[in-house]
Structure formats: C-alpha cells, structure tokens
Amino acid sequence: MVDAGLRNAFLGKRPSDVGHVLENAVFMELLRRGFKVTAGKIDKKEIDFVAVGHTDRVYVQVCRTLADERVEQREFSPLLAVADAYPKFVLSMDRIDYSREGMHHLNIVDFLMGASLS
C-alpha cells in the first residue's frame, strides 16, 4: 500500500500509475470490509489479493482495463490455476462483463460503492 499523494509528489504523476492507484483503492476497501489481505502466488503467477474473512476467502485481481487480450489473459490465468472453490474476481474500470469459467468480473467503481464479492 502506498499513499498516492506522496508518491505523486515525489515521483510525479504518470499515466502508468493508474493501475497502482486502483490496486491501492481496492486494498484499502478490502481492509475496510474486515478482510485480512495478502498477495498470492501460484506457480510463477501472481494474484494481487487473497482476502480472508472469518468464514470466507476471495481472490482478487485488479487492472485498469481488460480490453487488451494479453491483459485479460494475464489477469485471469492465475485465478484459473487456483484449485479451490472460493470466489475469484477481476476488478477493472470496464463496464463490459468479462466474467468467464466461474470467475467474476466487476467494475471497480461498483465495488468501491459497495458491490459484494460473493
């Protein structure tokens, strides 16, 4: 987690920072909802957040957009590798539903406004 304001003050604002700012916002919201949040790794693939509650767990990937096929593959493939049945989400700014193969897509703004990860 990084304070986006301080980061911008020291490094300047760059267009490539949007993904990091979105990840930070999702991380803070997961904490606010009472989850313990860690990063995950399966094989050589990274999962942005593994959020664990009292009785549940959810896997979350975060990106700006899934419009590029390579980005879509990069974000969904780690979730495909997870063998358990807990919910798996990819959050992006897209309004198009990219849900597939039991994995859910959710707009980040909808999530930040209270949409559930279940």
Protein backbone atom coordinates (compact mmCIF):
# COMPACT_ATOMS: atom_id res chain seq x y z
CA MET A 1 0.00 0.00 0.00
CA VAL A 2 1.24 3.44 -0.91
CA ASP A 3 -0.05 6.95 -0.24
CA ALA A 4 -0.80 8.01 -3.83
CA GLY A 5 -0.48 11.72 -2.97
CA LEU A 6 3.02 11.33 -1.54
CA ARG A 7 4.05 9.07 -4.41
CA ASN A 8 2.88 11.66 -6.95
CA ALA A 9 4.64 14.46 -5.05
CA PHE A 10 7.99 12.65 -5.15
CA LEU A 11 7.82 10.88 -8.50
CA GLY A 12 5.34 12.96 -10.45
CA LYS A 13 2.11 11.65 -11.87
CA ARG A 14 2.47 9.20 -14.75
CA PRO A 15 -0.28 7.56 -16.83
CA SER A 16 1.16 4.13 -15.98
CA ASP A 17 0.40 4.77 -12.28
CA VAL A 18 -3.37 4.30 -12.72
CA GLY A 19 -3.19 0.54 -12.12
CA HIS A 20 -1.25 1.05 -8.89
CA VAL A 21 -3.72 3.66 -7.65
CA LEU A 22 -6.62 1.28 -8.39
CA GLU A 23 -4.87 -1.57 -6.57
CA ASN A 24 -4.33 0.71 -3.59
CA ALA A 25 -8.02 1.70 -3.51
CA VAL A 26 -9.14 -1.94 -3.69
CA PHE A 27 -6.67 -2.93 -0.97
CA MET A 28 -7.98 -0.22 1.35
CA GLU A 29 -11.60 -1.21 0.66
CA LEU A 30 -10.88 -4.87 1.38
CA LEU A 31 -9.35 -3.86 4.71
CA ARG A 32 -12.33 -1.61 5.45
CA ARG A 33 -14.63 -4.58 4.85
CA GLY A 34 -12.75 -6.53 7.52
CA PHE A 35 -10.62 -8.84 5.39
CA LYS A 36 -7.03 -9.82 6.14
CA VAL A 37 -5.29 -9.15 2.84
CA THR A 38 -2.15 -10.72 1.42
CA ALA A 39 -0.69 -11.19 -2.04
CA GLY A 40 -0.80 -14.66 -3.53
CA LYS A 41 1.39 -16.69 -5.82
CA ILE A 42 0.64 -19.91 -7.65
CA ASP A 43 3.36 -21.41 -9.79
CA LYS A 44 5.02 -18.30 -11.24
CA LYS A 45 1.78 -16.34 -11.42
CA GLU A 46 0.85 -13.59 -9.02
CA ILE A 47 -2.56 -12.94 -7.50
CA ASP A 48 -2.98 -9.32 -6.44
CA PHE A 49 -5.01 -10.02 -3.30
CA VAL A 50 -6.07 -13.02 -1.28
CA ALA A 51 -8.68 -11.61 1.10
CA VAL A 52 -9.58 -13.78 4.08
CA GLY A 53 -12.57 -13.12 6.32
CA HIS A 54 -13.84 -15.01 9.36
CA THR A 55 -15.52 -17.71 7.28
CA ASP A 56 -14.67 -16.87 3.70
CA ARG A 57 -11.90 -16.17 1.25
CA VAL A 58 -11.85 -14.35 -2.08
CA TYR A 59 -9.17 -13.96 -4.76
CA VAL A 60 -8.93 -10.56 -6.43
CA GLN A 61 -7.07 -9.31 -9.48
CA VAL A 62 -7.04 -5.58 -10.28
CA CYS A 63 -6.30 -3.80 -13.56
CA ARG A 64 -7.30 -0.64 -15.37
CA THR A 65 -8.89 -2.40 -18.35
CA LEU A 66 -9.30 -5.86 -19.83
CA ALA A 67 -9.75 -4.56 -23.40
CA ASP A 68 -6.32 -5.90 -24.42
CA GLU A 69 -6.36 -9.68 -24.88
CA ARG A 70 -2.88 -10.02 -23.31
CA VAL A 71 -4.01 -8.17 -20.18
CA GLU A 72 -7.16 -10.29 -19.99
CA GLN A 73 -5.03 -13.46 -20.16
CA ARG A 74 -2.56 -12.12 -17.57
CA GLU A 75 -5.32 -11.28 -15.09
CA PHE A 76 -7.47 -14.40 -15.45
CA SER A 77 -4.79 -17.09 -15.80
CA PRO A 78 -3.60 -17.02 -12.15
CA LEU A 79 -7.20 -17.40 -10.99
CA LEU A 80 -7.69 -20.39 -13.29
CA ALA A 81 -4.75 -22.06 -11.57
CA VAL A 82 -6.38 -21.86 -8.11
CA ALA A 83 -7.95 -25.24 -7.38
CA ASP A 84 -10.34 -24.36 -4.54
CA ALA A 85 -13.94 -23.18 -4.90
CA TYR A 86 -13.68 -19.76 -3.25
CA PRO A 87 -14.86 -16.79 -5.34
CA LYS A 88 -12.43 -15.34 -7.86
CA PHE A 89 -12.79 -11.77 -9.14
CA VAL A 90 -11.12 -9.49 -11.64
CA LEU A 91 -11.86 -5.82 -10.97
CA SER A 92 -11.38 -3.23 -13.70
CA MET A 93 -12.77 0.09 -14.92
CA ASP A 94 -14.59 -1.72 -17.75
CA ARG A 95 -18.39 -1.73 -17.85
CA ILE A 96 -18.41 -4.76 -20.18
CA ASP A 97 -18.80 -8.03 -18.28
CA TYR A 98 -15.69 -10.19 -18.77
CA SER A 99 -16.85 -12.97 -16.40
CA ARG A 100 -15.95 -16.47 -17.56
CA GLU A 101 -15.23 -20.02 -16.42
CA GLY A 102 -16.60 -19.44 -12.93
CA MET A 103 -14.56 -16.27 -12.44
CA HIS A 104 -16.36 -12.97 -11.99
CA HIS A 105 -15.64 -9.56 -13.43
CA LEU A 106 -16.75 -6.47 -11.52
CA ASN A 107 -16.36 -2.78 -12.22
CA ILE A 108 -14.05 -1.19 -9.64
CA VAL A 109 -16.35 1.77 -9.03
CA ASP A 110 -19.25 -0.60 -8.33
CA PHE A 111 -17.03 -2.49 -5.88
CA LEU A 112 -15.93 0.68 -4.12
CA MET A 113 -19.59 1.75 -3.89
CA GLY A 114 -20.46 -1.45 -2.03
CA ALA A 115 -20.95 -4.29 -4.54
CA SER A 116 -20.34 -7.65 -2.90
CA LEU A 117 -17.54 -10.12 -3.67
CA SER A 118 -19.62 -13.23 -3.13
